[in-house]
Amino acid sequence: MTAKRLLKLLLNVKDAYVDDYDLTLDRNGRLALTVRVHPSKKDQWRCPECGRKCPVYDCVNVESAWRGMDFGSVTVRIVARVPRIECKKHGVLTAMVPWAQSGSRFTRDFISLTAWLVKGGLSKKCVSELLRIDWKTVGRLVKLAWKMLEANPKERYKGLKLIGIDETSYRKGHSYITVVVNHETNTVVWAHKGHGKEVLDLFFKELTREQRESIEVVTGDGARWITDCIREHCPNAKRCVDPFHVVEWANAALDEVRREAWRRALDKVQRIEARIGKEKDEKRKAKLKDKLSKAKDSAEQIKNSRYAVGKNPEHLTARQRTKLELIQAEDGPLARAHAMKEQLRIIFRETDADEAEKSLDAWITRTQRCRIESFVELQRKIARHKEHILNAIRFKASNARIEATNNKIKLLIRVAYGFRNIDSMISLIMLCCSSIKIPLPGREAPQPMKQGVK
C-alpha cells in the first residue's frame, strides 16, 4: 500500500485523492502533517446548498485548510484549492468538499468527535485542551454538529400527541429557556431562549396545522401563558397540570406555615426571657428558666423541620418521625397544615377521575374554612386549575419526564462550566436530549448529513 493510499484511508477522505503530504513544525514547535488533496470528479464543482453540479465561476490561487483528527501527537491539516461555482438557484458560492461542511474549517470527523466528547460529559475546558482548539470553538463545533447531523429538523415534529412544556433556568436563575418534550419518545423536540407566551408561540408557529391538531395532551405547570397558548393554537388538546406541581404548591404553602410557627416560637422565647429579667423570686425564675429551655428546644425543632414536614411519611427516618410528632403536639396550625398537605397528596393516588373529583371538592371545602391564609390561597389556586388537575389523573399524564430533562440540562451546563453563547447551549441540549446519535469516526455509519450548513 502506498503512503498516499494509507493517508486517504486514515483521513477518511473517501471521495478525494491525495496529491502530496509534508511533515513540518507548526508555530508552536510541534509536528504537523499537511496533506494536499482534491475531490474526485463526481464531487467537484457542486453547490454546497443543493448539491448540484454547477459551472465554475472563478478559480482561486489561495489554498484552503481544514483541521483533521490528530495522528497521535501530530496535528493534521487537509489543504485544497476550491473554486467558486455559480448555481442557478443559490448564486455564486464556494464549491462543496466531501470531507467538510460548507463554511467550516474542520473536517466532519473532527466535529463529530468534539460533539461526542462534550455529550460524554467532558467539560469544554478538557475538550479544548485534548483537541488543541480554542475554548469558544468547542461551543461553535457543537452547534455545527447538531445542524450537520440533523438532516431535517422538521422530522422532530411528526407524530406529536403527548407533549410537555416547561422552562428551566440557567446563569443562577437570571435567564430561562423554554423546553418542549415528546412524552412518547422522551426526547426534546424544541428549545428556545426565554419564556412566556411570545416564546412558546414560536414553537406552535413552526408546526403545520395538521401537526397542531394531532396534539392530544399537553402537560405543564400552572403558568397562565401555557394555558393561553394551548387555547389559541391547540383548542382540542387537553391541558394537564400534573400532581407533582400541585403537591409542590402545597409544600410551598406548608413551608410558609412552618416559618410562621417558627416566628411564634421565637416570640414565645422572647416573652419568657423578658419575664425572667423582671422576676425577682428565685423559685419562679427557676421555673421560667425551665420553660425557656423547652421553648428554645421547640423553636429549634420547628426551625430544622423543613424536610420532616415536607417529606412523604413513608420516607421519613425514625429521627424525622419523632421530630414531626413533637412539632404536631406543640403547634396546632402547623399540624393541621401538614394533615391537609397529606390529604391532598393521597387524592392523587386515585385512578378514577370521578372519585378524585369528589375527594378534591371535599378537600377544597374543608380548606376554605381552615383559617390558615397560605392554604386558603392554595385552595383558590387549585380550584382555578381543577379541570386541568383532573385531566392529569384522567389521562395519566405527568410532567416527570420534562422535570428529569430539566435536571439533565442543568447538569450539562454545569459539566460544560456554562455556555456564554445561548445558541451553543441549545445545540448541546438538542444533541444530548433528542434522538440524534453522534457517530464516532470509523465506528458506525453516519446519519445523512445536510449540505451547506453555515
Protein backbone atom coordinates (compact mmCIF):
# COMPACT_ATOMS: atom_id res chain seq x y z
CA MET A 1 0.00 0.00 0.00
CA THR A 2 1.33 3.42 -0.94
CA ALA A 3 1.65 6.27 1.55
CA LYS A 4 -1.00 8.30 -0.31
CA ARG A 5 -3.46 5.41 -0.19
CA LEU A 6 -2.79 4.96 3.53
CA LEU A 7 -3.33 8.69 4.22
CA LYS A 8 -6.60 8.61 2.28
CA LEU A 9 -7.89 5.79 4.48
CA LEU A 10 -6.63 7.30 7.73
CA LEU A 11 -8.07 10.74 6.94
CA ASN A 12 -11.40 9.20 5.84
CA VAL A 13 -11.44 11.25 2.62
CA LYS A 14 -13.03 8.54 0.51
CA ASP A 15 -14.25 10.85 -2.25
CA ALA A 16 -10.94 12.63 -2.69
CA TYR A 17 -7.40 11.95 -3.91
CA VAL A 18 -4.19 12.71 -2.04
CA ASP A 19 -1.78 14.82 -4.13
CA ASP A 20 1.04 15.49 -1.68
CA TYR A 21 1.96 15.50 2.01
CA ASP A 22 4.52 17.20 4.18
CA LEU A 23 5.61 16.85 7.82
CA THR A 24 6.82 20.13 9.32
CA LEU A 25 6.90 22.06 12.60
CA ASP A 26 4.00 24.40 13.38
CA ARG A 27 4.35 27.81 15.02
CA ASN A 28 4.35 26.17 18.47
CA GLY A 29 7.26 23.91 17.52
CA ARG A 30 5.11 20.76 17.31
CA LEU A 31 4.99 18.27 14.45
CA ALA A 32 2.21 18.99 11.96
CA LEU A 33 1.16 16.92 8.95
CA THR A 34 -0.13 18.80 5.91
CA VAL A 35 -1.97 16.71 3.31
CA ARG A 36 -2.95 18.25 -0.05
CA VAL A 37 -5.99 16.69 -1.66
CA HIS A 38 -8.56 17.31 -4.40
CA PRO A 39 -12.13 15.98 -4.70
CA SER A 40 -12.96 13.20 -7.15
CA LYS A 41 -14.63 14.16 -10.43
CA LYS A 42 -18.12 13.24 -9.27
CA ASP A 43 -17.80 15.56 -6.26
CA GLN A 44 -16.15 18.52 -7.98
CA TRP A 45 -17.93 21.81 -8.62
CA ARG A 46 -21.05 21.00 -6.63
CA CYS A 47 -23.28 23.57 -4.94
CA PRO A 48 -22.96 23.38 -1.12
CA GLU A 49 -26.69 24.16 -0.74
CA CYS A 50 -28.40 21.82 -3.24
CA GLY A 51 -25.50 19.51 -4.20
CA ARG A 52 -25.96 20.01 -7.97
CA LYS A 53 -23.08 20.24 -10.42
CA CYS A 54 -22.54 23.83 -11.49
CA PRO A 55 -20.21 25.74 -13.84
CA VAL A 56 -17.05 27.22 -12.32
CA TYR A 57 -17.33 30.93 -11.64
CA ASP A 58 -13.64 31.58 -10.94
CA CYS A 59 -10.62 29.73 -9.57
CA VAL A 60 -8.65 30.82 -6.52
CA ASN A 61 -4.92 30.56 -6.09
CA VAL A 62 -5.10 30.53 -2.31
CA GLU A 63 -5.25 27.17 -0.59
CA SER A 64 -7.99 26.47 1.96
CA ALA A 65 -7.16 24.39 5.04
CA TRP A 66 -9.25 22.16 7.30
CA ARG A 67 -8.26 20.80 10.69
CA GLY A 68 -8.44 16.99 10.76
CA MET A 69 -8.23 14.47 13.58
CA ASP A 70 -4.76 14.20 15.13
CA PHE A 71 -2.44 11.30 14.36
CA GLY A 72 -1.30 10.67 17.93
CA SER A 73 0.64 13.77 18.93
CA VAL A 74 0.81 15.10 15.35
CA THR A 75 -1.77 17.65 14.25
CA VAL A 76 -3.26 17.18 10.79
CA ARG A 77 -4.32 19.74 8.18
CA ILE A 78 -6.10 18.95 4.94
CA VAL A 79 -5.33 21.52 2.23
CA ALA A 80 -7.04 22.02 -1.13
CA ARG A 81 -7.79 24.67 -3.74
CA VAL A 82 -11.54 25.06 -4.04
CA PRO A 83 -13.09 27.16 -6.84
CA ARG A 84 -16.24 29.21 -6.67
CA ILE A 85 -19.23 27.94 -8.61
CA GLU A 86 -22.32 29.67 -9.94
CA CYS A 87 -25.57 27.94 -9.03
CA LYS A 88 -28.74 28.97 -10.84
CA LYS A 89 -30.72 28.81 -7.63
CA HIS A 90 -28.23 29.91 -4.94
CA GLY A 91 -25.85 32.19 -6.86
CA VAL A 92 -22.05 32.34 -6.52
CA LEU A 93 -20.73 30.11 -3.74
CA THR A 94 -17.56 28.26 -2.80
CA ALA A 95 -17.84 24.70 -4.08
CA MET A 96 -18.54 21.94 -1.55
CA VAL A 97 -15.91 19.44 -0.49
CA PRO A 98 -16.80 15.87 0.61
CA TRP A 99 -14.75 15.92 3.85
CA ALA A 100 -16.18 19.07 5.47
CA GLN A 101 -19.28 21.20 5.77
CA SER A 102 -19.53 24.44 3.84
CA GLY A 103 -18.28 27.37 5.90
CA SER A 104 -16.40 25.15 8.36
CA ARG A 105 -12.63 24.81 8.74
CA PHE A 106 -12.84 21.43 10.49
CA THR A 107 -13.49 18.02 8.97
CA ARG A 108 -16.73 16.19 9.68
CA ASP A 109 -14.86 13.56 11.70
CA PHE A 110 -13.30 16.25 13.90
CA ILE A 111 -16.70 17.88 14.51
CA SER A 112 -18.32 14.55 15.40
CA LEU A 113 -15.50 13.69 17.81
CA THR A 114 -15.80 17.09 19.55
CA ALA A 115 -19.57 16.74 19.96
CA TRP A 116 -19.25 13.15 21.20
CA LEU A 117 -16.73 14.15 23.87
CA VAL A 118 -18.94 17.01 25.12
CA LYS A 119 -22.01 14.75 25.14
CA GLY A 120 -19.99 12.14 27.05
CA GLY A 121 -19.58 14.56 29.97
CA LEU A 122 -16.18 16.12 29.30
CA SER A 123 -16.02 19.82 30.14
CA LYS A 124 -15.36 22.36 27.42
CA LYS A 125 -12.00 23.11 29.02
CA CYS A 126 -10.91 19.45 28.85
CA VAL A 127 -12.12 19.09 25.25
CA SER A 128 -10.29 22.25 24.17
CA GLU A 129 -7.04 21.01 25.79
CA LEU A 130 -7.37 17.50 24.38
CA LEU A 131 -8.12 18.58 20.81
CA ARG A 132 -5.93 21.70 20.94
CA ILE A 133 -8.65 24.14 19.95
CA ASP A 134 -9.99 27.34 21.48
CA TRP A 135 -12.50 27.13 24.35
CA LYS A 136 -15.10 29.07 22.36
CA THR A 137 -14.56 26.86 19.31
CA VAL A 138 -15.94 23.87 21.24
CA GLY A 139 -19.34 25.56 21.50
CA ARG A 140 -19.32 26.50 17.83
CA LEU A 141 -18.47 22.93 16.80
CA VAL A 142 -21.27 21.54 19.00
CA LYS A 143 -23.69 23.88 17.24
CA LEU A 144 -22.36 22.83 13.83
CA ALA A 145 -22.55 19.12 14.77
CA TRP A 146 -26.24 19.46 15.66
CA LYS A 147 -27.09 21.10 12.34
CA MET A 148 -24.85 18.67 10.47
CA LEU A 149 -26.33 15.51 11.97
CA GLU A 150 -29.96 16.56 11.84
CA ALA A 151 -30.72 16.43 8.13
CA ASN A 152 -34.36 17.50 8.53
CA PRO A 153 -35.27 19.33 11.78
CA LYS A 154 -38.99 19.16 10.94
CA GLU A 155 -38.91 15.38 11.43
CA ARG A 156 -38.99 16.01 15.19
CA TYR A 157 -42.49 17.44 14.90
CA LYS A 158 -44.05 14.40 13.23
CA GLY A 159 -46.44 12.30 15.28
CA LEU A 160 -46.63 14.65 18.27
CA LYS A 161 -49.54 13.62 20.51
CA LEU A 162 -48.38 13.94 24.12
CA ILE A 163 -46.08 16.89 24.83
CA GLY A 164 -44.73 18.55 27.96
CA ILE A 165 -43.80 22.23 28.28
CA ASP A 166 -41.63 23.80 30.96
CA GLU A 167 -39.00 26.48 31.46
CA THR A 168 -35.65 25.94 33.13
CA SER A 169 -33.22 28.50 34.47
CA TYR A 170 -29.54 28.98 33.77
CA ARG A 171 -26.99 31.60 34.87
CA LYS A 172 -28.08 31.34 38.53
CA GLY A 173 -31.76 31.77 37.73
CA HIS A 174 -31.48 35.12 35.94
CA SER A 175 -32.20 33.66 32.48
CA TYR A 176 -34.57 30.99 31.21
CA ILE A 177 -35.04 28.65 28.29
CA THR A 178 -38.32 27.04 27.26
CA VAL A 179 -38.23 23.30 26.52
CA VAL A 180 -40.82 21.09 24.79
CA VAL A 181 -40.59 17.31 25.28
CA ASN A 182 -42.30 14.47 23.40
CA HIS A 183 -43.59 12.21 26.20
CA GLU A 184 -43.89 9.17 23.93
CA THR A 185 -40.21 9.21 22.89
CA ASN A 186 -38.85 11.04 25.98
CA THR A 187 -36.87 13.40 23.75
CA VAL A 188 -36.59 17.18 23.46
CA VAL A 189 -38.26 18.40 20.27
CA TRP A 190 -37.78 22.15 20.73
CA ALA A 191 -35.83 24.58 22.91
CA HIS A 192 -35.59 28.36 22.80
CA LYS A 193 -34.19 31.22 24.84
CA GLY A 194 -36.64 32.97 27.16
CA HIS A 195 -40.06 32.01 28.49
CA GLY A 196 -43.58 33.27 28.20
CA LYS A 197 -46.35 33.24 25.63
CA GLU A 198 -44.35 35.08 22.95
CA VAL A 199 -41.61 32.43 23.09
CA LEU A 200 -43.98 29.43 23.13
CA ASP A 201 -45.90 30.92 20.19
CA LEU A 202 -42.73 30.45 18.12
CA PHE A 203 -42.91 26.67 18.66
CA PHE A 204 -46.54 26.34 17.61
CA LYS A 205 -45.93 28.54 14.55
CA GLU A 206 -43.27 26.07 13.37
CA LEU A 207 -45.87 23.29 13.34
CA THR A 208 -48.24 22.71 10.46
CA ARG A 209 -51.98 22.89 11.01
CA GLU A 210 -52.23 19.08 10.92
CA GLN A 211 -49.41 18.73 13.48
CA ARG A 212 -51.11 21.17 15.87
CA GLU A 213 -54.42 19.35 15.51
CA SER A 214 -52.76 15.98 16.21
CA ILE A 215 -51.63 17.10 19.70
CA GLU A 216 -53.97 15.47 22.22
CA VAL A 217 -52.46 16.16 25.67
CA VAL A 218 -50.20 18.97 26.91
CA THR A 219 -48.63 18.81 30.37
CA GLY A 220 -47.01 21.65 32.26
CA ASP A 221 -47.12 23.67 35.44
CA GLY A 222 -49.91 26.11 36.24
CA ALA A 223 -48.46 29.01 34.20
CA ARG A 224 -51.19 31.03 32.53
CA TRP A 225 -49.11 31.62 29.39
CA ILE A 226 -49.04 27.87 28.69
CA THR A 227 -52.83 27.70 29.02
CA ASP A 228 -53.29 30.72 26.73
CA CYS A 229 -51.01 29.23 24.06
CA ILE A 230 -52.82 25.88 24.10
CA ARG A 231 -56.21 27.57 23.93
CA GLU A 232 -55.05 29.60 20.91
CA HIS A 233 -53.07 27.02 18.92
CA CYS A 234 -54.41 23.61 20.07
CA PRO A 235 -58.01 24.14 21.22
CA ASN A 236 -58.73 20.40 21.03
CA ALA A 237 -55.78 19.40 23.23
CA LYS A 238 -56.33 18.54 26.89
CA ARG A 239 -54.37 20.75 29.30
CA CYS A 240 -52.89 18.86 32.26
CA VAL A 241 -51.33 20.19 35.46
CA ASP A 242 -49.62 17.16 36.89
CA PRO A 243 -49.83 16.19 40.62
CA PHE A 244 -46.09 16.85 41.06
CA HIS A 245 -46.63 20.60 40.69
CA VAL A 246 -49.79 20.63 42.83
CA VAL A 247 -48.02 18.88 45.71
CA GLU A 248 -45.13 21.29 45.19
CA TRP A 249 -47.58 24.19 45.67
CA ALA A 250 -48.85 22.51 48.86
CA ASN A 251 -45.28 22.08 50.16
CA ALA A 252 -44.60 25.78 49.50
CA ALA A 253 -47.73 26.73 51.46
CA LEU A 254 -46.76 24.32 54.24
CA ASP A 255 -43.28 25.84 54.44
CA GLU A 256 -44.84 29.27 54.86
CA VAL A 257 -46.91 27.92 57.77
CA ARG A 258 -43.73 26.38 59.24
CA ARG A 259 -41.96 29.75 59.12
CA GLU A 260 -44.90 31.43 60.84
CA ALA A 261 -44.82 28.72 63.53
CA TRP A 262 -41.10 29.35 64.00
CA ARG A 263 -41.75 33.09 64.40
CA ARG A 264 -44.43 32.34 67.01
CA ALA A 265 -41.99 30.07 68.87
CA LEU A 266 -39.33 32.83 68.83
CA ASP A 267 -41.86 35.35 70.16
CA LYS A 268 -42.64 32.95 73.00
CA VAL A 269 -38.93 32.63 73.80
CA GLN A 270 -38.55 36.44 73.89
CA ARG A 271 -41.58 36.87 76.15
CA ILE A 272 -40.22 34.30 78.63
CA GLU A 273 -36.80 35.99 78.59
CA ALA A 274 -38.46 39.35 79.33
CA ARG A 275 -40.36 37.82 82.27
CA ILE A 276 -37.15 36.27 83.64
CA GLY A 277 -35.49 39.70 83.56
CA LYS A 278 -38.31 41.23 85.59
CA GLU A 279 -38.85 38.33 88.00
CA LYS A 280 -37.25 38.68 91.47
CA ASP A 281 -38.48 35.49 93.09
CA GLU A 282 -35.81 32.82 92.61
CA LYS A 283 -38.23 29.87 92.59
CA ARG A 284 -40.41 31.44 89.91
CA LYS A 285 -37.30 32.41 87.97
CA ALA A 286 -36.09 28.78 88.02
CA LYS A 287 -39.46 27.60 86.69
CA LEU A 288 -39.34 30.23 83.94
CA LYS A 289 -35.84 29.11 83.00
CA ASP A 290 -37.12 25.54 82.58
CA LYS A 291 -39.92 26.92 80.43
CA LEU A 292 -37.39 28.92 78.42
CA SER A 293 -35.27 25.84 77.78
CA LYS A 294 -38.30 23.93 76.47
CA ALA A 295 -39.41 26.91 74.32
CA LYS A 296 -35.94 27.18 72.77
CA ASP A 297 -35.91 23.44 72.02
CA SER A 298 -39.34 23.74 70.41
CA ALA A 299 -38.24 26.73 68.28
CA GLU A 300 -35.11 24.85 67.20
CA GLN A 301 -37.17 21.77 66.28
CA ILE A 302 -39.53 23.86 64.13
CA LYS A 303 -36.64 25.73 62.52
CA ASN A 304 -34.96 22.50 61.37
CA SER A 305 -38.15 20.66 60.41
CA ARG A 306 -38.43 21.64 56.76
CA TYR A 307 -37.61 18.15 55.46
CA ALA A 308 -39.59 16.39 58.18
CA VAL A 309 -42.86 18.20 57.39
CA GLY A 310 -42.36 18.21 53.62
CA LYS A 311 -41.27 14.61 53.18
CA ASN A 312 -43.71 11.79 52.45
CA PRO A 313 -44.47 9.91 55.74
CA GLU A 314 -43.38 6.57 54.28
CA HIS A 315 -39.93 8.00 53.57
CA LEU A 316 -39.31 9.58 56.98
CA THR A 317 -36.40 8.40 59.09
CA ALA A 318 -37.02 7.47 62.75
CA ARG A 319 -35.48 10.79 63.88
CA GLN A 320 -37.59 12.81 61.45
CA ARG A 321 -40.75 10.96 62.50
CA THR A 322 -40.06 11.76 66.17
CA LYS A 323 -39.41 15.41 65.33
CA LEU A 324 -42.66 15.61 63.34
CA GLU A 325 -44.69 14.16 66.24
CA LEU A 326 -43.19 16.71 68.67
CA ILE A 327 -43.95 19.60 66.31
CA GLN A 328 -47.53 18.43 65.74
CA ALA A 329 -48.07 18.30 69.51
CA GLU A 330 -46.56 21.78 70.03
CA ASP A 331 -48.12 23.79 67.15
CA GLY A 332 -51.77 23.26 66.13
CA PRO A 333 -51.83 25.30 62.86
CA LEU A 334 -48.69 23.56 61.58
CA ALA A 335 -50.16 20.14 62.46
CA ARG A 336 -53.40 20.98 60.56
CA ALA A 337 -51.47 22.30 57.57
CA HIS A 338 -49.37 19.14 57.43
CA ALA A 339 -52.53 16.99 57.58
CA MET A 340 -54.12 18.96 54.70
CA LYS A 341 -50.98 18.53 52.60
CA GLU A 342 -51.06 14.77 53.16
CA GLN A 343 -54.79 14.58 52.36
CA LEU A 344 -54.14 16.38 49.06
CA ARG A 345 -51.28 14.03 48.20
CA ILE A 346 -53.46 10.96 48.85
CA ILE A 347 -56.14 12.29 46.46
CA PHE A 348 -53.69 11.92 43.55
CA ARG A 349 -53.36 8.22 44.22
CA GLU A 350 -56.90 7.83 42.89
CA THR A 351 -57.06 6.15 39.50
CA ASP A 352 -60.70 7.07 38.86
CA ALA A 353 -61.14 10.72 37.86
CA ASP A 354 -64.73 10.92 39.18
CA GLU A 355 -63.70 9.68 42.63
CA ALA A 356 -60.72 12.04 42.59
CA GLU A 357 -63.05 14.95 41.75
CA LYS A 358 -65.29 14.17 44.74
CA SER A 359 -62.28 13.94 47.06
CA LEU A 360 -60.80 17.16 45.66
CA ASP A 361 -64.10 19.05 46.08
CA ALA A 362 -64.30 17.87 49.70
CA TRP A 363 -60.68 18.96 50.31
CA ILE A 364 -61.35 22.40 48.81
CA THR A 365 -64.47 22.81 51.02
CA ARG A 366 -62.53 21.88 54.18
CA THR A 367 -59.56 24.08 53.31
CA GLN A 368 -61.79 27.13 52.73
CA ARG A 369 -62.62 27.11 56.47
CA CYS A 370 -59.16 26.23 57.83
CA ARG A 371 -58.25 29.88 58.69
CA ILE A 372 -54.66 29.30 57.52
CA GLU A 373 -54.03 32.06 55.00
CA SER A 374 -51.48 30.27 52.80
CA PHE A 375 -53.74 27.19 52.48
CA VAL A 376 -56.84 29.29 51.77
CA GLU A 377 -54.89 30.85 48.90
CA LEU A 378 -53.73 27.38 47.83
CA GLN A 379 -57.29 26.06 47.57
CA ARG A 380 -58.21 29.05 45.38
CA LYS A 381 -55.31 28.23 43.07
CA ILE A 382 -56.25 24.54 42.93
CA ALA A 383 -59.90 25.45 42.27
CA ARG A 384 -58.81 27.55 39.28
CA HIS A 385 -56.81 24.62 37.85
CA LYS A 386 -59.25 21.91 38.97
CA GLU A 387 -60.16 20.69 35.47
CA HIS A 388 -56.51 20.61 34.38
CA ILE A 389 -55.55 18.64 37.50
CA LEU A 390 -58.33 16.12 36.89
CA ASN A 391 -57.19 15.80 33.27
CA ALA A 392 -53.79 14.67 34.54
CA ILE A 393 -55.48 11.90 36.55
CA ARG A 394 -57.87 11.07 33.72
CA PHE A 395 -55.14 10.73 31.07
CA LYS A 396 -52.45 9.52 33.49
CA ALA A 397 -50.23 12.37 32.28
CA SER A 398 -47.24 13.58 34.26
CA ASN A 399 -44.57 16.21 33.81
CA ALA A 400 -41.97 13.98 35.48
CA ARG A 401 -40.09 13.39 32.23
CA ILE A 402 -39.65 17.06 31.44
CA GLU A 403 -38.56 17.74 35.04
CA ALA A 404 -35.95 14.99 34.60
CA THR A 405 -34.91 16.63 31.31
CA ASN A 406 -34.53 19.98 33.10
CA ASN A 407 -32.22 18.34 35.64
CA LYS A 408 -30.20 16.83 32.78
CA ILE A 409 -29.95 20.24 31.11
CA LYS A 410 -28.64 21.84 34.32
CA LEU A 411 -26.13 19.03 34.68
CA LEU A 412 -24.95 19.58 31.09
CA ILE A 413 -24.47 23.28 31.75
CA ARG A 414 -22.56 22.56 34.94
CA VAL A 415 -20.33 19.90 33.36
CA ALA A 416 -19.53 22.24 30.48
CA TYR A 417 -18.80 25.05 33.00
CA GLY A 418 -21.59 27.13 31.48
CA PHE A 419 -22.23 28.37 27.97
CA ARG A 420 -21.89 32.07 27.38
CA ASN A 421 -23.43 31.57 23.95
CA ILE A 422 -27.09 30.54 24.28
CA ASP A 423 -27.15 29.05 20.75
CA SER A 424 -24.28 26.71 21.65
CA MET A 425 -26.07 25.69 24.84
CA ILE A 426 -29.30 24.90 22.98
CA SER A 427 -27.30 22.91 20.41
CA LEU A 428 -25.81 20.82 23.24
CA ILE A 429 -29.30 20.26 24.68
CA MET A 430 -30.60 19.08 21.33
CA LEU A 431 -27.62 16.76 20.82
CA CYS A 432 -27.86 15.19 24.28
CA CYS A 433 -31.61 15.17 24.91
CA SER A 434 -33.03 14.43 21.46
CA SER A 435 -32.96 11.28 19.33
CA ILE A 436 -29.80 12.36 17.46
CA LYS A 437 -26.94 9.86 17.60
CA ILE A 438 -23.39 11.18 17.25
CA PRO A 439 -21.30 8.74 15.18
CA LEU A 440 -17.72 8.21 16.24
CA PRO A 441 -15.41 8.22 13.19
CA GLY A 442 -14.88 4.70 11.91
CA ARG A 443 -17.26 3.13 14.48
CA GLU A 444 -20.61 3.28 12.77
CA ALA A 445 -22.25 4.56 9.62
CA PRO A 446 -23.00 8.28 9.97
CA GLN A 447 -26.52 9.62 9.63
CA PRO A 448 -27.46 11.60 6.49
CA MET A 449 -25.84 14.99 6.63
CA LYS A 450 -27.26 18.22 5.34
CA GLN A 451 -25.06 20.14 2.94
CA GLY A 452 -24.29 23.78 3.20
CA VAL A 453 -24.97 24.49 6.85
CA LYS A 454 -23.12 27.61 7.83
